Amino acid sequence: MSSIVSQAVGRTAGGPLAPVAFDKSGNLYGTTYVGGSDNEGVIFERTYANGQWNEGVVYNFTDNDGANPQAGVVIDQRNCGHRLGYAGR
């Protein structure tokens, strides 16, 4: 598991501080403290298909909406993800 997360954040961002979450389909979601388009952190997604993990950035944080998240993503019973911010104004 740690290798999957390291591969994801090594290319898109860095500094994951919180546990990852899985949705009902087995997709992995997490946050990073830095990286992304504004270097304020991202929500990343890893999906598994055809024998390999694929990555993507779901959301780029800015200073106005929860920059530098120190918490992870929460998946609710309806399979909806919710992000938790830290420094947004």
N, C-alpha and C. Protein backbone atom coordinates (compact mmCIF):
# COMPACT_ATOMS: atom_id res chain seq x y z
N MET A 1 0.81 -1.19 0.00
CA MET A 1 0.00 0.00 0.00
C MET A 1 0.86 1.25 0.00
N SER A 2 1.88 1.32 0.81
CA SER A 2 2.69 2.54 0.86
C SER A 2 3.35 2.81 -0.47
N SER A 3 3.68 1.77 -1.23
CA SER A 3 4.29 1.98 -2.54
C SER A 3 3.29 2.59 -3.52
N ILE A 4 2.02 2.24 -3.42
CA ILE A 4 1.00 2.82 -4.30
C ILE A 4 0.86 4.31 -4.01
N VAL A 5 0.82 4.69 -2.76
CA VAL A 5 0.70 6.09 -2.39
C VAL A 5 1.96 6.84 -2.79
N SER A 6 3.13 6.28 -2.55
CA SER A 6 4.38 6.94 -2.91
C SER A 6 4.45 7.19 -4.40
N GLN A 7 4.02 6.24 -5.19
CA GLN A 7 4.03 6.43 -6.64
C GLN A 7 3.10 7.57 -7.04
N ALA A 8 1.96 7.67 -6.39
CA ALA A 8 0.99 8.71 -6.75
C ALA A 8 1.53 10.09 -6.39
N VAL A 9 1.98 10.26 -5.18
CA VAL A 9 2.38 11.59 -4.74
C VAL A 9 3.74 11.99 -5.27
N GLY A 10 4.56 11.03 -5.64
CA GLY A 10 5.86 11.35 -6.18
C GLY A 10 5.78 12.07 -7.51
N ARG A 11 4.73 11.85 -8.25
CA ARG A 11 4.59 12.48 -9.56
C ARG A 11 3.70 13.70 -9.55
N THR A 12 2.79 13.80 -8.63
CA THR A 12 1.81 14.89 -8.67
C THR A 12 1.97 15.89 -7.53
N ALA A 13 2.47 15.46 -6.41
CA ALA A 13 2.52 16.32 -5.24
C ALA A 13 3.38 15.65 -4.18
N GLY A 14 3.39 16.19 -2.97
CA GLY A 14 4.18 15.57 -1.91
C GLY A 14 3.65 15.89 -0.55
N GLY A 15 4.18 15.19 0.42
CA GLY A 15 3.84 15.45 1.80
C GLY A 15 2.51 14.91 2.26
N PRO A 16 2.13 13.67 1.92
CA PRO A 16 0.87 13.16 2.47
C PRO A 16 0.97 13.02 3.98
N LEU A 17 -0.03 13.52 4.69
CA LEU A 17 -0.01 13.49 6.15
C LEU A 17 -1.13 12.65 6.74
N ALA A 18 -2.10 12.25 5.94
CA ALA A 18 -3.30 11.58 6.45
C ALA A 18 -3.48 10.23 5.78
N PRO A 19 -4.25 9.36 6.40
CA PRO A 19 -4.55 8.07 5.79
C PRO A 19 -5.35 8.25 4.49
N VAL A 20 -5.29 7.25 3.64
CA VAL A 20 -6.06 7.25 2.40
C VAL A 20 -7.43 6.64 2.66
N ALA A 21 -8.34 6.83 1.70
CA ALA A 21 -9.68 6.26 1.78
C ALA A 21 -9.99 5.54 0.48
N PHE A 22 -10.81 4.49 0.58
CA PHE A 22 -11.25 3.75 -0.59
C PHE A 22 -12.75 3.94 -0.78
N ASP A 23 -13.18 4.09 -2.03
CA ASP A 23 -14.61 4.12 -2.29
C ASP A 23 -15.11 2.70 -2.53
N LYS A 24 -16.40 2.55 -2.81
CA LYS A 24 -16.99 1.22 -2.96
C LYS A 24 -16.45 0.47 -4.17
N SER A 25 -15.89 1.20 -5.13
CA SER A 25 -15.32 0.57 -6.32
C SER A 25 -13.86 0.18 -6.15
N GLY A 26 -13.28 0.52 -4.99
CA GLY A 26 -11.89 0.20 -4.74
C GLY A 26 -10.91 1.27 -5.17
N ASN A 27 -11.41 2.44 -5.58
CA ASN A 27 -10.53 3.55 -5.92
C ASN A 27 -9.96 4.15 -4.64
N LEU A 28 -8.72 4.56 -4.69
CA LEU A 28 -8.02 5.10 -3.53
C LEU A 28 -7.97 6.62 -3.66
N TYR A 29 -8.25 7.33 -2.56
CA TYR A 29 -8.20 8.78 -2.53
C TYR A 29 -7.35 9.24 -1.35
N GLY A 30 -6.65 10.34 -1.54
CA GLY A 30 -5.85 10.90 -0.46
C GLY A 30 -5.55 12.36 -0.73
N THR A 31 -4.91 12.98 0.23
CA THR A 31 -4.52 14.38 0.08
C THR A 31 -3.02 14.51 0.28
N THR A 32 -2.47 15.57 -0.27
CA THR A 32 -1.07 15.90 -0.02
C THR A 32 -1.00 17.33 0.50
N TYR A 33 -0.02 17.60 1.30
CA TYR A 33 0.15 18.90 1.93
C TYR A 33 0.63 19.96 0.95
N VAL A 34 1.46 19.57 0.00
CA VAL A 34 1.99 20.48 -1.01
C VAL A 34 1.80 19.87 -2.39
N GLY A 35 2.12 20.65 -3.41
CA GLY A 35 2.03 20.20 -4.79
C GLY A 35 0.77 20.71 -5.45
N GLY A 36 0.58 20.34 -6.68
CA GLY A 36 -0.55 20.80 -7.45
C GLY A 36 -0.28 22.13 -8.13
N SER A 37 -1.29 22.66 -8.78
CA SER A 37 -1.12 23.86 -9.60
C SER A 37 -0.72 25.10 -8.79
N ASP A 38 -1.15 25.20 -7.54
CA ASP A 38 -0.79 26.33 -6.69
C ASP A 38 0.19 25.96 -5.58
N ASN A 39 0.69 24.74 -5.61
CA ASN A 39 1.59 24.22 -4.58
C ASN A 39 0.97 24.30 -3.18
N GLU A 40 -0.36 24.17 -3.12
CA GLU A 40 -1.09 24.22 -1.85
C GLU A 40 -1.69 22.87 -1.49
N GLY A 41 -1.31 21.81 -2.23
CA GLY A 41 -1.81 20.47 -1.96
C GLY A 41 -2.87 20.04 -2.95
N VAL A 42 -3.13 18.74 -2.97
CA VAL A 42 -4.10 18.18 -3.90
C VAL A 42 -4.90 17.07 -3.23
N ILE A 43 -6.02 16.72 -3.85
CA ILE A 43 -6.68 15.45 -3.61
C ILE A 43 -6.32 14.58 -4.80
N PHE A 44 -5.74 13.42 -4.53
CA PHE A 44 -5.38 12.52 -5.62
C PHE A 44 -6.25 11.28 -5.60
N GLU A 45 -6.34 10.65 -6.76
CA GLU A 45 -7.11 9.43 -6.91
C GLU A 45 -6.23 8.40 -7.61
N ARG A 46 -6.32 7.16 -7.16
CA ARG A 46 -5.66 6.04 -7.83
C ARG A 46 -6.73 5.01 -8.14
N THR A 47 -6.79 4.61 -9.41
CA THR A 47 -7.73 3.59 -9.82
C THR A 47 -6.94 2.41 -10.37
N TYR A 48 -7.49 1.22 -10.20
CA TYR A 48 -6.81 0.01 -10.66
C TYR A 48 -7.58 -0.57 -11.84
N ALA A 49 -6.90 -0.69 -12.97
CA ALA A 49 -7.53 -1.24 -14.17
C ALA A 49 -6.47 -1.91 -15.03
N ASN A 50 -6.83 -3.03 -15.62
CA ASN A 50 -5.94 -3.74 -16.54
C ASN A 50 -4.57 -4.04 -15.93
N GLY A 51 -4.58 -4.40 -14.63
CA GLY A 51 -3.34 -4.81 -13.98
C GLY A 51 -2.41 -3.70 -13.56
N GLN A 52 -2.87 -2.45 -13.60
CA GLN A 52 -2.00 -1.36 -13.16
C GLN A 52 -2.79 -0.26 -12.47
N TRP A 53 -2.10 0.48 -11.60
CA TRP A 53 -2.70 1.63 -10.92
C TRP A 53 -2.53 2.86 -11.80
N ASN A 54 -3.60 3.61 -11.95
CA ASN A 54 -3.59 4.87 -12.70
C ASN A 54 -3.85 6.00 -11.73
N GLU A 55 -3.25 7.13 -11.98
CA GLU A 55 -3.37 8.24 -11.04
C GLU A 55 -3.99 9.46 -11.68
N GLY A 56 -4.51 10.31 -10.82
CA GLY A 56 -5.04 11.59 -11.27
C GLY A 56 -5.18 12.54 -10.11
N VAL A 57 -5.21 13.81 -10.44
CA VAL A 57 -5.47 14.83 -9.44
C VAL A 57 -6.94 15.19 -9.55
N VAL A 58 -7.66 15.01 -8.46
CA VAL A 58 -9.09 15.29 -8.43
C VAL A 58 -9.33 16.77 -8.15
N TYR A 59 -8.48 17.35 -7.29
CA TYR A 59 -8.69 18.74 -6.89
C TYR A 59 -7.36 19.37 -6.50
N ASN A 60 -7.16 20.62 -6.92
CA ASN A 60 -6.00 21.41 -6.52
C ASN A 60 -6.46 22.44 -5.49
N PHE A 61 -5.88 22.40 -4.30
CA PHE A 61 -6.23 23.37 -3.27
C PHE A 61 -5.60 24.72 -3.58
N THR A 62 -6.25 25.79 -3.09
CA THR A 62 -5.70 27.14 -3.17
C THR A 62 -5.71 27.72 -1.76
N ASP A 63 -5.16 28.90 -1.63
CA ASP A 63 -5.11 29.55 -0.33
C ASP A 63 -6.50 29.91 0.17
N ASN A 64 -7.48 29.94 -0.72
CA ASN A 64 -8.83 30.35 -0.34
C ASN A 64 -9.77 29.20 0.00
N ASP A 65 -9.32 27.95 -0.14
CA ASP A 65 -10.28 26.86 0.04
C ASP A 65 -9.71 25.62 0.72
N GLY A 66 -8.85 25.81 1.66
CA GLY A 66 -8.35 24.66 2.41
C GLY A 66 -6.94 24.28 2.06
N ALA A 67 -6.10 25.25 1.81
CA ALA A 67 -4.72 25.00 1.41
C ALA A 67 -3.98 24.15 2.42
N ASN A 68 -3.03 23.38 1.93
CA ASN A 68 -2.16 22.55 2.75
C ASN A 68 -2.93 21.63 3.70
N PRO A 69 -3.77 20.75 3.15
CA PRO A 69 -4.59 19.88 3.99
C PRO A 69 -3.76 18.94 4.85
N GLN A 70 -4.18 18.80 6.08
CA GLN A 70 -3.53 17.87 6.99
C GLN A 70 -4.45 16.71 7.34
N ALA A 71 -5.62 16.71 6.76
CA ALA A 71 -6.57 15.62 6.94
C ALA A 71 -6.82 14.97 5.59
N GLY A 72 -7.45 13.84 5.61
CA GLY A 72 -7.67 13.09 4.38
C GLY A 72 -9.03 13.33 3.77
N VAL A 73 -9.43 12.38 2.96
CA VAL A 73 -10.73 12.39 2.30
C VAL A 73 -11.63 11.40 3.02
N VAL A 74 -12.88 11.76 3.19
CA VAL A 74 -13.86 10.88 3.83
C VAL A 74 -14.86 10.44 2.76
N ILE A 75 -15.10 9.15 2.64
CA ILE A 75 -16.09 8.62 1.70
C ILE A 75 -17.33 8.26 2.51
N ASP A 76 -18.47 8.86 2.15
CA ASP A 76 -19.69 8.60 2.92
C ASP A 76 -20.44 7.38 2.38
N GLN A 77 -21.59 7.08 2.98
CA GLN A 77 -22.36 5.88 2.62
C GLN A 77 -22.91 5.94 1.20
N ARG A 78 -23.04 7.15 0.65
CA ARG A 78 -23.52 7.30 -0.72
C ARG A 78 -22.36 7.26 -1.72
N ASN A 79 -21.14 6.96 -1.23
CA ASN A 79 -19.94 6.88 -2.05
C ASN A 79 -19.49 8.26 -2.55
N CYS A 80 -19.82 9.29 -1.78
CA CYS A 80 -19.40 10.65 -2.12
C CYS A 80 -18.18 11.00 -1.28
N GLY A 81 -17.22 11.64 -1.90
CA GLY A 81 -16.01 12.06 -1.18
C GLY A 81 -16.16 13.46 -0.63
N HIS A 82 -15.59 13.68 0.54
CA HIS A 82 -15.59 15.00 1.17
C HIS A 82 -14.16 15.31 1.56
N ARG A 83 -13.72 16.51 1.23
CA ARG A 83 -12.36 16.90 1.57
C ARG A 83 -12.34 17.67 2.88
N LEU A 84 -11.26 17.59 3.57
CA LEU A 84 -11.09 18.29 4.83
C LEU A 84 -9.89 19.21 4.68
N GLY A 85 -10.07 20.50 4.90
CA GLY A 85 -8.99 21.46 4.71
C GLY A 85 -8.30 21.84 6.00
N TYR A 86 -7.36 22.78 5.86
CA TYR A 86 -6.60 23.23 7.03
C TYR A 86 -6.47 24.74 7.05
N ALA A 87 -5.85 25.32 6.03
CA ALA A 87 -5.50 26.74 6.11
C ALA A 87 -6.34 27.65 5.23
N GLY A 88 -7.39 27.15 4.62
CA GLY A 88 -8.19 27.97 3.73
C GLY A 88 -8.86 29.12 4.47
N ARG A 89 -9.07 30.16 3.72
CA ARG A 89 -9.71 31.34 4.32
C ARG A 89 -11.10 31.53 3.77
